[in-house]
Protein backbone atom coordinates (compact mmCIF):
# COMPACT_ATOMS: atom_id res chain seq x y z
CA UNK A 1 168.72 69.30 85.90
CA UNK A 2 169.58 71.88 88.69
CA UNK A 3 166.85 74.45 89.24
CA UNK A 4 167.83 78.00 89.55
CA UNK A 5 165.33 80.37 91.67
CA UNK A 6 164.83 83.13 89.16
CA UNK A 7 162.08 85.39 89.94
CA UNK A 8 159.79 86.06 87.07
CA UNK A 9 157.75 89.50 86.47
CA UNK A 10 155.30 90.34 84.10
CA UNK A 11 155.75 93.39 82.49
CA UNK A 12 154.43 95.69 79.76
CA UNK A 13 156.74 96.22 76.61
CA UNK A 14 157.72 99.61 78.00
CA UNK A 15 158.70 98.35 81.00
CA UNK A 16 160.24 95.09 79.70
CA UNK A 17 162.07 96.33 76.53
CA UNK A 18 165.72 97.16 78.17
CA UNK A 19 165.97 93.89 79.53
CA UNK A 20 164.19 91.69 76.65
CA UNK A 21 165.71 93.16 73.70
CA UNK A 22 169.57 92.01 74.55
CA UNK A 23 168.54 88.44 75.48
CA UNK A 24 166.24 88.03 72.36
CA UNK A 25 168.83 89.49 70.08
CA UNK A 26 171.67 87.13 71.90
CA UNK A 27 169.24 84.15 71.44
CA UNK A 28 167.42 84.43 68.27
CA UNK A 29 169.40 87.06 66.07
CA UNK A 30 173.08 85.98 67.25
CA UNK A 31 172.86 82.01 68.02
CA UNK A 32 170.17 81.20 65.63
CA UNK A 33 170.55 83.55 62.66
CA UNK A 34 167.04 85.28 62.64
CA UNK A 35 167.02 88.34 60.90
CA UNK A 36 166.96 91.08 63.11
CA UNK A 37 164.23 92.70 61.39
CA UNK A 38 161.72 89.85 62.04
CA UNK A 39 162.94 89.31 65.94
CA UNK A 40 161.57 92.81 66.98
CA UNK A 41 157.92 93.35 65.78
CA UNK A 42 154.75 95.53 66.11
CA UNK A 43 153.16 92.85 68.69
CA UNK A 44 155.65 93.69 71.42
CA UNK A 45 154.13 96.95 72.49
CA UNK A 46 150.83 94.83 72.70
CA UNK A 47 151.79 92.06 74.41
CA UNK A 48 152.77 91.14 78.19
CA UNK A 49 156.50 90.08 78.78
CA UNK A 50 157.97 87.75 81.22
CA UNK A 51 161.32 88.69 82.44
CA UNK A 52 163.54 86.22 84.66
CA UNK A 53 165.87 87.41 87.11
CA UNK A 54 168.64 86.02 89.08
CA UNK A 55 170.75 87.84 91.52
CA UNK A 56 169.75 91.39 89.77
CA UNK A 57 170.73 89.79 86.42
CA UNK A 58 167.80 89.39 83.61
CA UNK A 59 168.52 85.85 82.03
CA UNK A 60 165.29 84.79 80.07
CA UNK A 61 162.33 86.28 78.70
CA UNK A 62 159.11 85.32 76.81
CA UNK A 63 155.77 87.21 75.77
CA UNK A 64 152.18 86.36 75.59
CA UNK A 65 149.82 88.20 73.34
CA UNK A 66 146.48 88.95 74.17
CA UNK A 67 145.15 86.66 71.84
CA UNK A 68 146.82 83.77 73.83
CA UNK A 69 149.79 83.32 71.71
CA UNK A 70 153.10 82.66 73.82
CA UNK A 71 156.29 83.69 72.06
CA UNK A 72 159.79 84.75 72.01
CA UNK A 73 160.82 82.51 74.94
CA UNK A 74 164.63 82.88 75.37
CA UNK A 75 167.04 82.14 78.30
CA UNK A 76 170.74 82.97 78.38
CA UNK A 77 172.69 80.18 77.65
CA UNK A 78 174.53 79.86 80.88
CA UNK A 79 171.03 79.44 82.36
CA UNK A 80 169.31 76.85 80.23
CA UNK A 81 168.21 73.51 81.95
CA UNK A 82 167.95 75.03 85.34
CA UNK A 83 164.09 75.46 85.54
CA UNK A 84 164.00 79.29 83.98
CA UNK A 85 161.79 78.40 80.91
CA UNK A 86 159.68 76.65 82.73
CA UNK A 87 159.18 79.22 85.44
CA UNK A 88 158.34 81.78 82.66
CA UNK A 89 155.73 79.51 81.07
CA UNK A 90 154.19 78.73 84.17
CA UNK A 91 153.93 82.40 84.96
CA UNK A 92 152.75 83.48 81.73
CA UNK A 93 149.93 80.66 81.57
CA UNK A 94 148.82 81.84 85.10
CA UNK A 95 148.74 85.42 84.07
CA UNK A 96 146.84 84.59 81.22
CA UNK A 97 144.15 82.55 82.62
CA UNK A 98 143.99 85.34 85.01
CA UNK A 99 143.24 87.69 82.27
CA UNK A 100 140.65 85.36 80.76
CA UNK A 101 142.48 83.93 77.93
CA UNK A 102 140.91 80.44 77.35
CA UNK A 103 143.07 78.83 74.84
CA UNK A 104 146.97 79.22 74.54
CA UNK A 105 148.82 78.62 71.37
CA UNK A 106 152.51 78.85 70.14
CA UNK A 107 154.85 78.15 67.27
CA UNK A 108 157.41 75.72 68.85
CA UNK A 109 160.82 74.88 67.28
CA UNK A 110 160.77 71.07 66.51
CA UNK A 111 163.42 70.35 68.99
CA UNK A 112 161.27 72.20 71.84
CA UNK A 113 157.93 70.03 71.41
CA UNK A 114 158.82 67.99 74.38
CA UNK A 115 159.49 71.07 76.29
CA UNK A 116 155.79 72.41 75.54
CA UNK A 117 154.29 69.10 75.84
CA UNK A 118 154.71 68.96 79.77
CA UNK A 119 152.76 72.23 79.65
CA UNK A 120 149.76 70.38 78.02
CA UNK A 121 150.49 71.67 74.62
CA UNK A 122 149.46 69.34 71.81
CA UNK A 123 151.14 69.75 68.04
CA UNK A 124 148.47 70.72 65.68
CA UNK A 125 149.00 70.79 61.77
CA UNK A 126 152.11 70.37 59.57
CA UNK A 127 155.43 71.56 60.39
CA UNK A 128 156.44 75.10 58.37
CA UNK A 129 159.25 77.03 58.43
CA UNK A 130 159.53 80.43 60.48
CA UNK A 131 162.33 82.75 60.12
CA UNK A 132 164.56 79.75 58.59
CA UNK A 133 163.76 77.13 61.37
CA UNK A 134 161.36 74.56 61.20
CA UNK A 135 158.06 74.68 63.61
CA UNK A 136 154.97 73.49 64.61
CA UNK A 137 151.72 75.08 65.84
CA UNK A 138 150.75 73.93 69.30
CA UNK A 139 147.72 74.37 71.28
CA UNK A 140 146.44 74.09 74.94
CA UNK A 141 142.92 74.55 76.31
CA UNK A 142 142.91 75.82 79.99
């Protein structure tokens, strides 16, 4: 796995929307078949958003809700497996801890469980369907 030195910024939805929306639509709607109306939701304006930038190109995004839920982690296909998702996870966890979040959780796509386990997340509860994709709740205490 080669490492990409993407810079990560944590932004409000107002600041991040123009960069995050195209990535999420490409990855979740076009690649994974998530209905567009489910992808962009009422939680976006209330969350913090990580955006990953490489050479002036936005290549990834993720969000952290104030209740500790991490989600909408997406990296453009050409930049996957290069450390971009890990850099965003580390940035969101650090940012959340600095803002008083004590427990983080997420709904992981089943094939992504090993990725999140590397950050101390533990599978919790049964597998469930979200937007037509098998997921499992994962939790992590700080």
